[in-house]
Amino acid sequence: MATVRAVPAAPTAPEAERARQQALRIAVAVAGGMTMMVAAGSITPFLAPLFAAQFLVASRSPLKGAQAFGMAILIISVGQGLDLMTSLLGSRPALFTAMLWLLYLGCFFAQATGKGGQAPFLVLVIAIMVPLMNMLHQDLGESISVLFGVAVGGGALLAWATHALFPDQGGMAAAPPILPVPVEFALLRSVANASILVAAVILCLVDSRLSSAIVIPVTVASILNQLDLATSRRAAFDLVLVNILGGVVASFVFTVLDTRPTLLGLFLAVFVVGLLFGSGAATDPKFGKAYAGALTTFLILLGLGISPLPTSTPESFSTRITYVSAAVLCALWASLLLWPRTRHQGR
């Protein structure tokens, strides 16, 4: 007897319009944020648009003032704590990496159990970038925690501005169903993820020639955050392609902008890419996390390429594509090797 498979219902016209509005918000936020940060001479022009994208992907509703304030306090506090920890324990690598591992474990466990919304991933990004920027770029000239504080404030302002431009006329969107995850499985998986991410950070710290060091562990963290989508070989293959696409598109955009560097060109290029990935994040409830991850990779890669941070070689940007591809494949391979074999119900 043939098996009848349920066909997902097509989105209604109002829902499709809300998704298009959300994609426009994401595109305008990342394009406007990147352009303004570059015009202002920021050494990390990707941070504010990255935060804005995360805020917008998390919800179609405007970010509340208390939420933005709480997120800013959290990120500044984490940044200052990591800055202090790097200064005190940087010369004691075993203890330093153990502390990082515990922080990563807490973030991954919060993600696995559905706690904290976007906060655990943003804390992961901070906990990756602060140690690497402290050790590999010691001449930044300003506190890293200040950079992140300004960035999260800028991200919140960008999110609010796009909601003012494209107001949401609908009610609260229905949240996608969350499959129950046994605590034991979530803990074992989080232990594996934290170990994989710490290994990626150590790899970057032991070789200071990796001018794109930030890209590798952030990509690994993003992939580990998306692996719930890989319920089949086809899904895993699509996951790899979407994330590598973020790096390839960043390389193409950088090449075009390098020949004719204008702020208008930068805005238009990032807007088109933001609309491409933002549409996937806004309209695909199952695979949207992968498009959001690809947008994160794109913003960081392009931002590092046009940033005034020093790089080791003129062709280092093209080398980053190899690093991103390797990070995606290694994260998948390591998860297959280290994740617990027993899947929770529904997988």
C-alpha atoms as a PDB file:
ATOM      1  CA  MET A   1       0.000   0.000   0.000  1.00  0.00           C
ATOM      2  CA  ALA A   2       1.369   3.387  -0.942  1.00  0.00           C
ATOM      3  CA  THR A   3       2.192   5.704   1.907  1.00  0.00           C
ATOM      4  CA  VAL A   4       0.344   8.985   1.847  1.00  0.00           C
ATOM      5  CA  ARG A   5       2.592  11.878   2.811  1.00  0.00           C
ATOM      6  CA  ALA A   6       1.152  15.062   4.219  1.00  0.00           C
ATOM      7  CA  VAL A   7       1.687  18.072   2.016  1.00  0.00           C
ATOM      8  CA  PRO A   8       2.391  21.278   3.943  1.00  0.00           C
ATOM      9  CA  ALA A   9      -0.246  23.909   3.427  1.00  0.00           C
ATOM     10  CA  ALA A  10       0.683  26.820   1.217  1.00  0.00           C
ATOM     11  CA  PRO A  11       1.075  30.101   3.084  1.00  0.00           C
ATOM     12  CA  THR A  12      -1.908  32.421   2.957  1.00  0.00           C
ATOM     13  CA  ALA A  13      -1.636  35.741   1.130  1.00  0.00           C
ATOM     14  CA  PRO A  14      -1.376  37.802   4.355  1.00  0.00           C
ATOM     15  CA  GLU A  15       1.287  35.446   5.709  1.00  0.00           C
ATOM     16  CA  ALA A  16       3.253  35.606   2.450  1.00  0.00           C
ATOM     17  CA  GLU A  17       3.101  39.405   2.572  1.00  0.00           C
ATOM     18  CA  ARG A  18       4.357  39.402   6.174  1.00  0.00           C
ATOM     19  CA  ALA A  19       7.267  37.180   5.118  1.00  0.00           C
ATOM     20  CA  ARG A  20       8.147  39.565   2.277  1.00  0.00           C
ATOM     21  CA  GLN A  21       8.061  42.499   4.696  1.00  0.00           C
ATOM     22  CA  GLN A  22      10.348  40.621   7.067  1.00  0.00           C
ATOM     23  CA  ALA A  23      12.804  39.854   4.257  1.00  0.00           C
ATOM     24  CA  LEU A  24      12.856  43.564   3.352  1.00  0.00           C
ATOM     25  CA  ARG A  25      13.570  44.482   6.968  1.00  0.00           C
ATOM     26  CA  ILE A  26      16.517  42.093   7.094  1.00  0.00           C
ATOM     27  CA  ALA A  27      17.908  43.309   3.760  1.00  0.00           C
ATOM     28  CA  VAL A  28      17.631  47.015   4.619  1.00  0.00           C
ATOM     29  CA  ALA A  29      19.068  46.481   8.108  1.00  0.00           C
ATOM     30  CA  VAL A  30      22.176  44.603   6.983  1.00  0.00           C
ATOM     31  CA  ALA A  31      22.793  46.818   3.948  1.00  0.00           C
ATOM     32  CA  GLY A  32      22.239  50.080   5.799  1.00  0.00           C
ATOM     33  CA  GLY A  33      24.199  48.906   8.837  1.00  0.00           C
ATOM     34  CA  MET A  34      27.204  47.714   6.845  1.00  0.00           C
ATOM     35  CA  THR A  35      27.290  50.877   4.749  1.00  0.00           C
ATOM     36  CA  MET A  36      27.076  53.210   7.755  1.00  0.00           C
ATOM     37  CA  MET A  37      29.740  51.287   9.675  1.00  0.00           C
ATOM     38  CA  VAL A  38      32.129  51.393   6.717  1.00  0.00           C
ATOM     39  CA  ALA A  39      31.471  55.109   6.213  1.00  0.00           C
ATOM     40  CA  ALA A  40      32.208  55.683   9.914  1.00  0.00           C
ATOM     41  CA  GLY A  41      35.513  53.807   9.641  1.00  0.00           C
ATOM     42  CA  SER A  42      34.541  51.003  12.020  1.00  0.00           C
ATOM     43  CA  ILE A  43      37.136  48.237  12.370  1.00  0.00           C
ATOM     44  CA  THR A  44      34.296  45.697  12.742  1.00  0.00           C
ATOM     45  CA  PRO A  45      31.646  46.891  10.251  1.00  0.00           C
ATOM     46  CA  PHE A  46      29.864  43.533  10.309  1.00  0.00           C
ATOM     47  CA  LEU A  47      28.913  43.522  14.014  1.00  0.00           C
ATOM     48  CA  ALA A  48      25.936  45.933  14.049  1.00  0.00           C
ATOM     49  CA  PRO A  49      24.281  44.409  10.940  1.00  0.00           C
ATOM     50  CA  LEU A  50      24.956  40.917  12.344  1.00  0.00           C
ATOM     51  CA  PHE A  51      23.134  41.778  15.585  1.00  0.00           C
ATOM     52  CA  ALA A  52      20.312  43.435  13.628  1.00  0.00           C
ATOM     53  CA  ALA A  53      19.892  40.323  11.472  1.00  0.00           C
ATOM     54  CA  GLN A  54      19.772  38.092  14.560  1.00  0.00           C
ATOM     55  CA  PHE A  55      17.138  40.290  16.213  1.00  0.00           C
ATOM     56  CA  LEU A  56      14.994  40.331  13.068  1.00  0.00           C
ATOM     57  CA  VAL A  57      15.327  36.620  12.351  1.00  0.00           C
ATOM     58  CA  ALA A  58      14.312  35.794  15.916  1.00  0.00           C
ATOM     59  CA  SER A  59      10.910  37.495  15.669  1.00  0.00           C
ATOM     60  CA  ARG A  60       8.718  39.444  13.269  1.00  0.00           C
ATOM     61  CA  SER A  61       7.628  41.669  16.133  1.00  0.00           C
ATOM     62  CA  PRO A  62       9.675  44.779  17.007  1.00  0.00           C
ATOM     63  CA  LEU A  63      12.324  44.303  19.659  1.00  0.00           C
ATOM     64  CA  LYS A  64      11.120  45.647  22.996  1.00  0.00           C
ATOM     65  CA  GLY A  65      13.167  48.298  24.754  1.00  0.00           C
ATOM     66  CA  ALA A  66      13.672  46.089  27.809  1.00  0.00           C
ATOM     67  CA  GLN A  67      14.840  43.240  25.580  1.00  0.00           C
ATOM     68  CA  ALA A  68      17.367  45.450  23.799  1.00  0.00           C
ATOM     69  CA  PHE A  69      18.632  46.875  27.090  1.00  0.00           C
ATOM     70  CA  GLY A  70      18.917  43.416  28.634  1.00  0.00           C
ATOM     71  CA  MET A  71      20.739  42.070  25.578  1.00  0.00           C
ATOM     72  CA  ALA A  72      23.153  45.008  25.630  1.00  0.00           C
ATOM     73  CA  ILE A  73      23.897  44.476  29.327  1.00  0.00           C
ATOM     74  CA  LEU A  74      24.385  40.747  28.759  1.00  0.00           C
ATOM     75  CA  ILE A  75      26.736  41.173  25.805  1.00  0.00           C
ATOM     76  CA  ILE A  76      28.779  43.954  27.415  1.00  0.00           C
ATOM     77  CA  SER A  77      29.067  41.937  30.631  1.00  0.00           C
ATOM     78  CA  VAL A  78      30.114  38.796  28.762  1.00  0.00           C
ATOM     79  CA  GLY A  79      32.573  40.814  26.680  1.00  0.00           C
ATOM     80  CA  GLN A  80      34.148  42.438  29.741  1.00  0.00           C
ATOM     81  CA  GLY A  81      34.314  39.117  31.562  1.00  0.00           C
ATOM     82  CA  LEU A  82      35.985  37.422  28.614  1.00  0.00           C
ATOM     83  CA  ASP A  83      38.342  40.372  28.185  1.00  0.00           C
ATOM     84  CA  LEU A  84      39.408  40.025  31.819  1.00  0.00           C
ATOM     85  CA  MET A  85      39.632  36.241  31.573  1.00  0.00           C
ATOM     86  CA  THR A  86      41.834  36.488  28.487  1.00  0.00           C
ATOM     87  CA  SER A  87      44.156  38.917  30.257  1.00  0.00           C
ATOM     88  CA  LEU A  88      44.416  36.787  33.403  1.00  0.00           C
ATOM     89  CA  LEU A  89      44.469  33.302  31.890  1.00  0.00           C
ATOM     90  CA  GLY A  90      45.887  33.896  28.418  1.00  0.00           C
ATOM     91  CA  SER A  91      49.280  32.630  29.555  1.00  0.00           C
ATOM     92  CA  ARG A  92      47.692  29.479  31.050  1.00  0.00           C
ATOM     93  CA  PRO A  93      46.149  27.840  27.982  1.00  0.00           C
ATOM     94  CA  ALA A  94      44.823  24.700  29.690  1.00  0.00           C
ATOM     95  CA  LEU A  95      42.769  26.636  32.252  1.00  0.00           C
ATOM     96  CA  PHE A  96      41.765  29.238  29.680  1.00  0.00           C
ATOM     97  CA  THR A  97      40.374  26.674  27.228  1.00  0.00           C
ATOM     98  CA  ALA A  98      38.633  24.820  30.078  1.00  0.00           C
ATOM     99  CA  MET A  99      36.788  28.015  31.031  1.00  0.00           C
ATOM    100  CA  LEU A 100      35.850  28.640  27.402  1.00  0.00           C
ATOM    101  CA  TRP A 101      34.592  25.055  27.126  1.00  0.00           C
ATOM    102  CA  LEU A 102      32.311  25.527  30.130  1.00  0.00           C
ATOM    103  CA  LEU A 103      30.872  28.723  28.654  1.00  0.00           C
ATOM    104  CA  TYR A 104      30.318  27.051  25.292  1.00  0.00           C
ATOM    105  CA  LEU A 105      28.691  24.092  27.041  1.00  0.00           C
ATOM    106  CA  GLY A 106      26.199  26.363  28.792  1.00  0.00           C
ATOM    107  CA  CYS A 107      25.301  28.118  25.539  1.00  0.00           C
ATOM    108  CA  PHE A 108      24.840  24.902  23.575  1.00  0.00           C
ATOM    109  CA  PHE A 109      22.767  23.345  26.359  1.00  0.00           C
ATOM    110  CA  ALA A 110      20.512  26.420  26.416  1.00  0.00           C
ATOM    111  CA  GLN A 111      20.089  26.115  22.638  1.00  0.00           C
ATOM    112  CA  ALA A 112      19.386  22.372  22.830  1.00  0.00           C
ATOM    113  CA  THR A 113      16.673  22.869  25.429  1.00  0.00           C
ATOM    114  CA  GLY A 114      15.119  25.898  23.713  1.00  0.00           C
ATOM    115  CA  LYS A 115      16.078  28.443  26.369  1.00  0.00           C
ATOM    116  CA  GLY A 116      17.101  32.056  25.848  1.00  0.00           C
ATOM    117  CA  GLY A 117      16.044  32.647  22.242  1.00  0.00           C
ATOM    118  CA  GLN A 118      18.899  34.207  20.235  1.00  0.00           C
ATOM    119  CA  ALA A 119      20.950  35.061  23.337  1.00  0.00           C
ATOM    120  CA  PRO A 120      22.922  31.770  23.541  1.00  0.00           C
ATOM    121  CA  PHE A 121      24.131  32.056  19.927  1.00  0.00           C
ATOM    122  CA  LEU A 122      25.064  35.719  20.348  1.00  0.00           C
ATOM    123  CA  VAL A 123      26.987  34.888  23.526  1.00  0.00           C
ATOM    124  CA  LEU A 124      28.775  32.138  21.583  1.00  0.00           C
ATOM    125  CA  VAL A 125      29.792  34.678  18.935  1.00  0.00           C
ATOM    126  CA  ILE A 126      31.088  37.035  21.634  1.00  0.00           C
ATOM    127  CA  ALA A 127      32.921  34.188  23.381  1.00  0.00           C
ATOM    128  CA  ILE A 128      34.641  33.332  20.109  1.00  0.00           C
ATOM    129  CA  MET A 129      35.528  36.817  18.934  1.00  0.00           C
ATOM    130  CA  VAL A 130      36.750  38.405  22.166  1.00  0.00           C
ATOM    131  CA  PRO A 131      39.592  35.921  22.872  1.00  0.00           C
ATOM    132  CA  LEU A 132      40.648  35.806  19.213  1.00  0.00           C
ATOM    133  CA  MET A 133      40.586  39.568  18.740  1.00  0.00           C
ATOM    134  CA  ASN A 134      42.427  40.073  22.035  1.00  0.00           C
ATOM    135  CA  MET A 135      45.211  37.680  21.076  1.00  0.00           C
ATOM    136  CA  LEU A 136      45.442  38.212  17.315  1.00  0.00           C
ATOM    137  CA  HIS A 137      44.703  41.954  17.115  1.00  0.00           C
ATOM    138  CA  GLN A 138      46.183  43.471  20.247  1.00  0.00           C
ATOM    139  CA  ASP A 139      46.450  46.949  18.704  1.00  0.00           C
ATOM    140  CA  LEU A 140      42.742  47.658  18.317  1.00  0.00           C
ATOM    141  CA  GLY A 141      43.074  50.852  20.322  1.00  0.00           C
ATOM    142  CA  GLU A 142      39.756  50.524  22.178  1.00  0.00           C
ATOM    143  CA  SER A 143      38.039  48.111  24.504  1.00  0.00           C
ATOM    144  CA  ILE A 144      36.480  45.136  22.756  1.00  0.00           C
ATOM    145  CA  SER A 145      33.530  45.241  25.152  1.00  0.00           C
ATOM    146  CA  VAL A 146      32.875  48.825  24.009  1.00  0.00           C
ATOM    147  CA  LEU A 147      32.874  47.635  20.392  1.00  0.00           C
ATOM    148  CA  PHE A 148      30.267  45.014  21.185  1.00  0.00           C
ATOM    149  CA  GLY A 149      28.186  47.409  23.271  1.00  0.00           C
ATOM    150  CA  VAL A 150      28.045  49.916  20.412  1.00  0.00           C
ATOM    151  CA  ALA A 151      27.299  47.099  17.970  1.00  0.00           C
ATOM    152  CA  VAL A 152      24.356  45.675  19.910  1.00  0.00           C
ATOM    153  CA  GLY A 153      22.922  49.173  20.328  1.00  0.00           C
ATOM    154  CA  GLY A 154      23.375  49.803  16.626  1.00  0.00           C
ATOM    155  CA  GLY A 155      21.764  46.475  15.799  1.00  0.00           C
ATOM    156  CA  ALA A 156      18.722  47.306  17.928  1.00  0.00           C
ATOM    157  CA  LEU A 157      18.394  50.748  16.288  1.00  0.00           C
ATOM    158  CA  LEU A 158      18.613  49.176  12.828  1.00  0.00           C
ATOM    159  CA  ALA A 159      15.915  46.643  13.731  1.00  0.00           C
ATOM    160  CA  TRP A 160      13.614  49.382  15.053  1.00  0.00           C
ATOM    161  CA  ALA A 161      14.245  51.582  11.993  1.00  0.00           C
ATOM    162  CA  THR A 162      13.288  48.798   9.585  1.00  0.00           C
ATOM    163  CA  HIS A 163      10.116  48.091  11.556  1.00  0.00           C
ATOM    164  CA  ALA A 164       9.267  51.790  11.230  1.00  0.00           C
ATOM    165  CA  LEU A 165       9.852  51.586   7.462  1.00  0.00           C
ATOM    166  CA  PHE A 166       8.001  48.289   7.033  1.00  0.00           C
ATOM    167  CA  PRO A 167       5.522  47.986   9.934  1.00  0.00           C
ATOM    168  CA  ASP A 168       4.077  44.571  10.673  1.00  0.00           C
ATOM    169  CA  GLN A 169       0.304  44.669  10.122  1.00  0.00           C
ATOM    170  CA  GLY A 170      -0.390  41.127  11.329  1.00  0.00           C
ATOM    171  CA  GLY A 171      -0.602  39.524  14.724  1.00  0.00           C
ATOM    172  CA  MET A 172       1.956  37.356  16.386  1.00  0.00           C
ATOM    173  CA  ALA A 173       3.335  34.708  14.021  1.00  0.00           C
ATOM    174  CA  ALA A 174       2.856  31.123  15.090  1.00  0.00           C
ATOM    175  CA  ALA A 175       6.086  29.703  16.439  1.00  0.00           C
ATOM    176  CA  PRO A 176       7.329  26.501  14.771  1.00  0.00           C
ATOM    177  CA  PRO A 177       6.743  23.404  16.886  1.00  0.00           C
ATOM    178  CA  ILE A 178       9.668  22.409  19.114  1.00  0.00           C
ATOM    179  CA  LEU A 179      10.357  18.690  19.378  1.00  0.00           C
ATOM    180  CA  PRO A 180      10.954  17.485  22.933  1.00  0.00           C
ATOM    181  CA  VAL A 181      14.613  16.759  23.641  1.00  0.00           C
ATOM    182  CA  PRO A 182      15.564  14.444  26.528  1.00  0.00           C
ATOM    183  CA  VAL A 183      17.853  16.247  28.948  1.00  0.00           C
ATOM    184  CA  GLU A 184      20.434  13.439  28.751  1.00  0.00           C
ATOM    185  CA  PHE A 185      20.614  13.664  24.962  1.00  0.00           C
ATOM    186  CA  ALA A 186      20.786  17.469  25.069  1.00  0.00           C
ATOM    187  CA  LEU A 187      23.620  17.375  27.610  1.00  0.00           C
ATOM    188  CA  LEU A 188      25.670  14.792  25.694  1.00  0.00           C
ATOM    189  CA  ARG A 189      25.200  16.673  22.446  1.00  0.00           C
ATOM    190  CA  SER A 190      26.155  19.954  24.121  1.00  0.00           C
ATOM    191  CA  VAL A 191      29.329  18.385  25.521  1.00  0.00           C
ATOM    192  CA  ALA A 192      30.237  17.236  22.011  1.00  0.00           C
ATOM    193  CA  ASN A 193      29.455  20.644  20.474  1.00  0.00           C
ATOM    194  CA  ALA A 194      31.484  22.514  23.103  1.00  0.00           C
ATOM    195  CA  SER A 195      34.450  20.208  22.480  1.00  0.00           C
ATOM    196  CA  ILE A 196      34.225  20.703  18.702  1.00  0.00           C
ATOM    197  CA  LEU A 197      34.052  24.491  19.050  1.00  0.00           C
ATOM    198  CA  VAL A 198      36.939  24.678  21.544  1.00  0.00           C
ATOM    199  CA  ALA A 199      39.055  22.624  19.141  1.00  0.00           C
ATOM    200  CA  ALA A 200      38.292  25.146  16.360  1.00  0.00           C
ATOM    201  CA  VAL A 201      39.232  28.081  18.612  1.00  0.00           C
ATOM    202  CA  ILE A 202      42.484  26.375  19.666  1.00  0.00           C
ATOM    203  CA  LEU A 203      43.334  25.739  16.012  1.00  0.00           C
ATOM    204  CA  CYS A 204      43.051  29.468  15.321  1.00  0.00           C
ATOM    205  CA  LEU A 205      44.978  30.533  18.422  1.00  0.00           C
ATOM    206  CA  VAL A 206      47.986  28.300  17.761  1.00  0.00           C
ATOM    207  CA  ASP A 207      48.543  29.831  14.319  1.00  0.00           C
ATOM    208  CA  SER A 208      48.411  33.637  14.332  1.00  0.00           C
ATOM    209  CA  ARG A 209      48.862  33.638  10.541  1.00  0.00           C
ATOM    210  CA  LEU A 210      45.152  32.856  10.245  1.00  0.00           C
ATOM    211  CA  SER A 211      43.991  36.374   9.506  1.00  0.00           C
ATOM    212  CA  SER A 212      40.453  35.006   9.090  1.00  0.00           C
ATOM    213  CA  ALA A 213      40.583  33.122  12.392  1.00  0.00           C
ATOM    214  CA  ILE A 214      37.236  34.526  13.526  1.00  0.00           C
ATOM    215  CA  VAL A 215      35.434  33.060  10.517  1.00  0.00           C
ATOM    216  CA  ILE A 216      36.354  29.443  11.252  1.00  0.00           C
ATOM    217  CA  PRO A 217      34.927  28.992  14.786  1.00  0.00           C
ATOM    218  CA  VAL A 218      31.913  31.241  14.121  1.00  0.00           C
ATOM    219  CA  THR A 219      31.063  29.074  11.108  1.00  0.00           C
ATOM    220  CA  VAL A 220      31.503  25.955  13.242  1.00  0.00           C
ATOM    221  CA  ALA A 221      29.181  27.383  15.925  1.00  0.00           C
ATOM    222  CA  SER A 222      26.613  28.315  13.286  1.00  0.00           C
ATOM    223  CA  ILE A 223      26.668  24.844  11.725  1.00  0.00           C
ATOM    224  CA  LEU A 224      26.337  23.129  15.089  1.00  0.00           C
ATOM    225  CA  ASN A 225      23.329  25.361  15.750  1.00  0.00           C
ATOM    226  CA  GLN A 226      21.749  24.243  12.456  1.00  0.00           C
ATOM    227  CA  LEU A 227      22.337  20.500  12.611  1.00  0.00           C
ATOM    228  CA  ASP A 228      18.847  19.771  13.936  1.00  0.00           C
ATOM    229  CA  LEU A 229      17.753  20.425  10.344  1.00  0.00           C
ATOM    230  CA  ALA A 230      19.891  17.588   8.979  1.00  0.00           C
ATOM    231  CA  THR A 231      17.372  14.778   9.431  1.00  0.00           C
ATOM    232  CA  SER A 232      18.460  13.121   6.173  1.00  0.00           C
ATOM    233  CA  ARG A 233      21.446  12.986   3.841  1.00  0.00           C
ATOM    234  CA  ARG A 234      19.714  15.368   1.456  1.00  0.00           C
ATOM    235  CA  ALA A 235      19.078  17.854   4.265  1.00  0.00           C
ATOM    236  CA  ALA A 236      22.729  17.633   5.369  1.00  0.00           C
ATOM    237  CA  PHE A 237      23.882  18.193   1.775  1.00  0.00           C
ATOM    238  CA  ASP A 238      21.584  21.223   1.420  1.00  0.00           C
ATOM    239  CA  LEU A 239      22.903  22.540   4.738  1.00  0.00           C
ATOM    240  CA  VAL A 240      26.482  22.361   3.461  1.00  0.00           C
ATOM    241  CA  LEU A 241      25.604  24.060   0.165  1.00  0.00           C
ATOM    242  CA  VAL A 242      23.668  26.937   1.762  1.00  0.00           C
ATOM    243  CA  ASN A 243      26.458  27.752   4.216  1.00  0.00           C
ATOM    244  CA  ILE A 244      29.238  27.523   1.634  1.00  0.00           C
ATOM    245  CA  LEU A 245      27.091  29.702  -0.624  1.00  0.00           C
ATOM    246  CA  GLY A 246      27.342  32.454   1.986  1.00  0.00           C
ATOM    247  CA  GLY A 247      31.132  32.423   1.637  1.00  0.00           C
ATOM    248  CA  VAL A 248      31.086  32.214  -2.159  1.00  0.00           C
ATOM    249  CA  VAL A 249      28.679  35.144  -2.445  1.00  0.00           C
ATOM    250  CA  ALA A 250      30.849  37.166  -0.045  1.00  0.00           C
ATOM    251  CA  SER A 251      33.867  36.465  -2.231  1.00  0.00           C
ATOM    252  CA  PHE A 252      32.030  37.573  -5.369  1.00  0.00           C
ATOM    253  CA  VAL A 253      30.709  40.761  -3.742  1.00  0.00           C
ATOM    254  CA  PHE A 254      34.163  41.608  -2.368  1.00  0.00           C
ATOM    255  CA  THR A 255      35.729  41.137  -5.803  1.00  0.00           C
ATOM    256  CA  VAL A 256      33.173  43.450  -7.410  1.00  0.00           C
ATOM    257  CA  LEU A 257      33.518  46.096  -4.707  1.00  0.00           C
ATOM    258  CA  ASP A 258      37.311  45.880  -4.799  1.00  0.00           C
ATOM    259  CA  THR A 259      37.296  47.039  -8.426  1.00  0.00           C
ATOM    260  CA  ARG A 260      34.793  49.884  -7.853  1.00  0.00           C
ATOM    261  CA  PRO A 261      34.627  50.685  -4.126  1.00  0.00           C
ATOM    262  CA  THR A 262      31.644  52.981  -3.529  1.00  0.00           C
ATOM    263  CA  LEU A 263      29.236  53.197  -0.610  1.00  0.00           C
ATOM    264  CA  LEU A 264      26.267  53.012  -2.976  1.00  0.00           C
ATOM    265  CA  GLY A 265      27.675  49.855  -4.548  1.00  0.00           C
ATOM    266  CA  LEU A 266      28.234  48.360  -1.108  1.00  0.00           C
ATOM    267  CA  PHE A 267      24.658  49.132  -0.041  1.00  0.00           C
ATOM    268  CA  LEU A 268      23.104  47.682  -3.196  1.00  0.00           C
ATOM    269  CA  ALA A 269      25.238  44.529  -3.126  1.00  0.00           C
ATOM    270  CA  VAL A 270      24.553  43.781   0.545  1.00  0.00           C
ATOM    271  CA  PHE A 271      20.863  44.621   0.055  1.00  0.00           C
ATOM    272  CA  VAL A 272      20.499  42.066  -2.750  1.00  0.00           C
ATOM    273  CA  VAL A 273      22.298  39.373  -0.750  1.00  0.00           C
ATOM    274  CA  GLY A 274      20.370  40.259   2.403  1.00  0.00           C
ATOM    275  CA  LEU A 275      17.121  39.949   0.451  1.00  0.00           C
ATOM    276  CA  LEU A 276      18.210  36.568  -0.945  1.00  0.00           C
ATOM    277  CA  PHE A 277      19.108  35.006   2.397  1.00  0.00           C
ATOM    278  CA  GLY A 278      16.535  37.022   4.337  1.00  0.00           C
ATOM    279  CA  SER A 279      13.743  35.666   2.154  1.00  0.00           C
ATOM    280  CA  GLY A 280      14.832  32.124   2.968  1.00  0.00           C
ATOM    281  CA  ALA A 281      15.035  32.903   6.675  1.00  0.00           C
ATOM    282  CA  ALA A 282      11.615  34.587   6.672  1.00  0.00           C
ATOM    283  CA  THR A 283       9.635  32.180   4.480  1.00  0.00           C
ATOM    284  CA  ASP A 284      11.091  28.750   5.261  1.00  0.00           C
ATOM    285  CA  PRO A 285      10.183  27.788   8.853  1.00  0.00           C
ATOM    286  CA  LYS A 286      12.083  24.473   8.620  1.00  0.00           C
ATOM    287  CA  PHE A 287      15.284  25.538   6.840  1.00  0.00           C
ATOM    288  CA  GLY A 288      15.278  29.229   7.727  1.00  0.00           C
ATOM    289  CA  LYS A 289      18.002  28.759  10.339  1.00  0.00           C
ATOM    290  CA  ALA A 290      20.395  27.658   7.595  1.00  0.00           C
ATOM    291  CA  TYR A 291      19.743  30.804   5.543  1.00  0.00           C
ATOM    292  CA  ALA A 292      20.294  32.916   8.656  1.00  0.00           C
ATOM    293  CA  GLY A 293      23.592  31.089   9.210  1.00  0.00           C
ATOM    294  CA  ALA A 294      24.654  31.714   5.619  1.00  0.00           C
ATOM    295  CA  LEU A 295      23.846  35.415   6.061  1.00  0.00           C
ATOM    296  CA  THR A 296      26.003  35.454   9.204  1.00  0.00           C
ATOM    297  CA  THR A 297      28.908  33.908   7.283  1.00  0.00           C
ATOM    298  CA  PHE A 298      28.453  36.413   4.452  1.00  0.00           C
ATOM    299  CA  LEU A 299      28.422  39.433   6.775  1.00  0.00           C
ATOM    300  CA  ILE A 300      31.509  38.352   8.712  1.00  0.00           C
ATOM    301  CA  LEU A 301      33.504  37.424   5.609  1.00  0.00           C
ATOM    302  CA  LEU A 302      32.656  40.591   3.718  1.00  0.00           C
ATOM    303  CA  GLY A 303      33.090  42.720   6.837  1.00  0.00           C
ATOM    304  CA  LEU A 304      36.551  41.309   7.486  1.00  0.00           C
ATOM    305  CA  GLY A 305      37.477  41.837   3.846  1.00  0.00           C
ATOM    306  CA  ILE A 306      36.650  45.546   3.897  1.00  0.00           C
ATOM    307  CA  SER A 307      37.720  46.113   7.502  1.00  0.00           C
ATOM    308  CA  PRO A 308      40.898  48.106   8.268  1.00  0.00           C
ATOM    309  CA  LEU A 309      42.077  45.200  10.454  1.00  0.00           C
ATOM    310  CA  PRO A 310      45.482  44.015   9.183  1.00  0.00           C
ATOM    311  CA  THR A 311      45.674  40.867   7.058  1.00  0.00           C
ATOM    312  CA  SER A 312      48.682  38.746   6.229  1.00  0.00           C
ATOM    313  CA  THR A 313      48.455  38.639   2.427  1.00  0.00           C
ATOM    314  CA  PRO A 314      46.546  40.458  -0.321  1.00  0.00           C
ATOM    315  CA  GLU A 315      44.860  37.222  -1.398  1.00  0.00           C
ATOM    316  CA  SER A 316      43.819  36.279   2.143  1.00  0.00           C
ATOM    317  CA  PHE A 317      40.144  36.959   1.420  1.00  0.00           C
ATOM    318  CA  SER A 318      39.946  34.198  -1.173  1.00  0.00           C
ATOM    319  CA  THR A 319      41.639  31.874   1.298  1.00  0.00           C
ATOM    320  CA  ARG A 320      38.782  32.443   3.727  1.00  0.00           C
ATOM    321  CA  ILE A 321      36.396  30.614   1.392  1.00  0.00           C
ATOM    322  CA  THR A 322      38.507  27.506   1.825  1.00  0.00           C
ATOM    323  CA  TYR A 323      38.430  28.011   5.582  1.00  0.00           C
ATOM    324  CA  VAL A 324      34.635  28.356   5.599  1.00  0.00           C
ATOM    325  CA  SER A 325      34.193  25.233   3.475  1.00  0.00           C
ATOM    326  CA  ALA A 326      36.573  23.284   5.695  1.00  0.00           C
ATOM    327  CA  ALA A 327      34.809  24.536   8.835  1.00  0.00           C
ATOM    328  CA  VAL A 328      31.413  23.418   7.500  1.00  0.00           C
ATOM    329  CA  LEU A 329      32.623  19.941   6.529  1.00  0.00           C
ATOM    330  CA  CYS A 330      34.688  19.426   9.681  1.00  0.00           C
ATOM    331  CA  ALA A 331      31.797  20.465  11.916  1.00  0.00           C
ATOM    332  CA  LEU A 332      29.511  17.963  10.190  1.00  0.00           C
ATOM    333  CA  TRP A 333      32.113  15.200  10.369  1.00  0.00           C
ATOM    334  CA  ALA A 334      32.916  15.875  14.022  1.00  0.00           C
ATOM    335  CA  SER A 335      29.238  15.900  14.961  1.00  0.00           C
ATOM    336  CA  LEU A 336      28.736  12.529  13.285  1.00  0.00           C
ATOM    337  CA  LEU A 337      31.701  11.209  15.239  1.00  0.00           C
ATOM    338  CA  LEU A 338      30.920  12.707  18.663  1.00  0.00           C
ATOM    339  CA  TRP A 339      27.159  13.156  18.878  1.00  0.00           C
ATOM    340  CA  PRO A 340      25.243  10.516  20.845  1.00  0.00           C
ATOM    341  CA  ARG A 341      23.822   7.786  18.619  1.00  0.00           C
ATOM    342  CA  THR A 342      20.380   7.698  20.204  1.00  0.00           C
ATOM    343  CA  ARG A 343      18.172  10.366  18.675  1.00  0.00           C
ATOM    344  CA  HIS A 344      15.268  11.849  20.524  1.00  0.00           C
ATOM    345  CA  GLN A 345      11.743  10.979  19.537  1.00  0.00           C
ATOM    346  CA  GLY A 346      10.625  12.448  16.230  1.00  0.00           C
ATOM    347  CA  ARG A 347      14.031  12.442  14.611  1.00  0.00           C
END
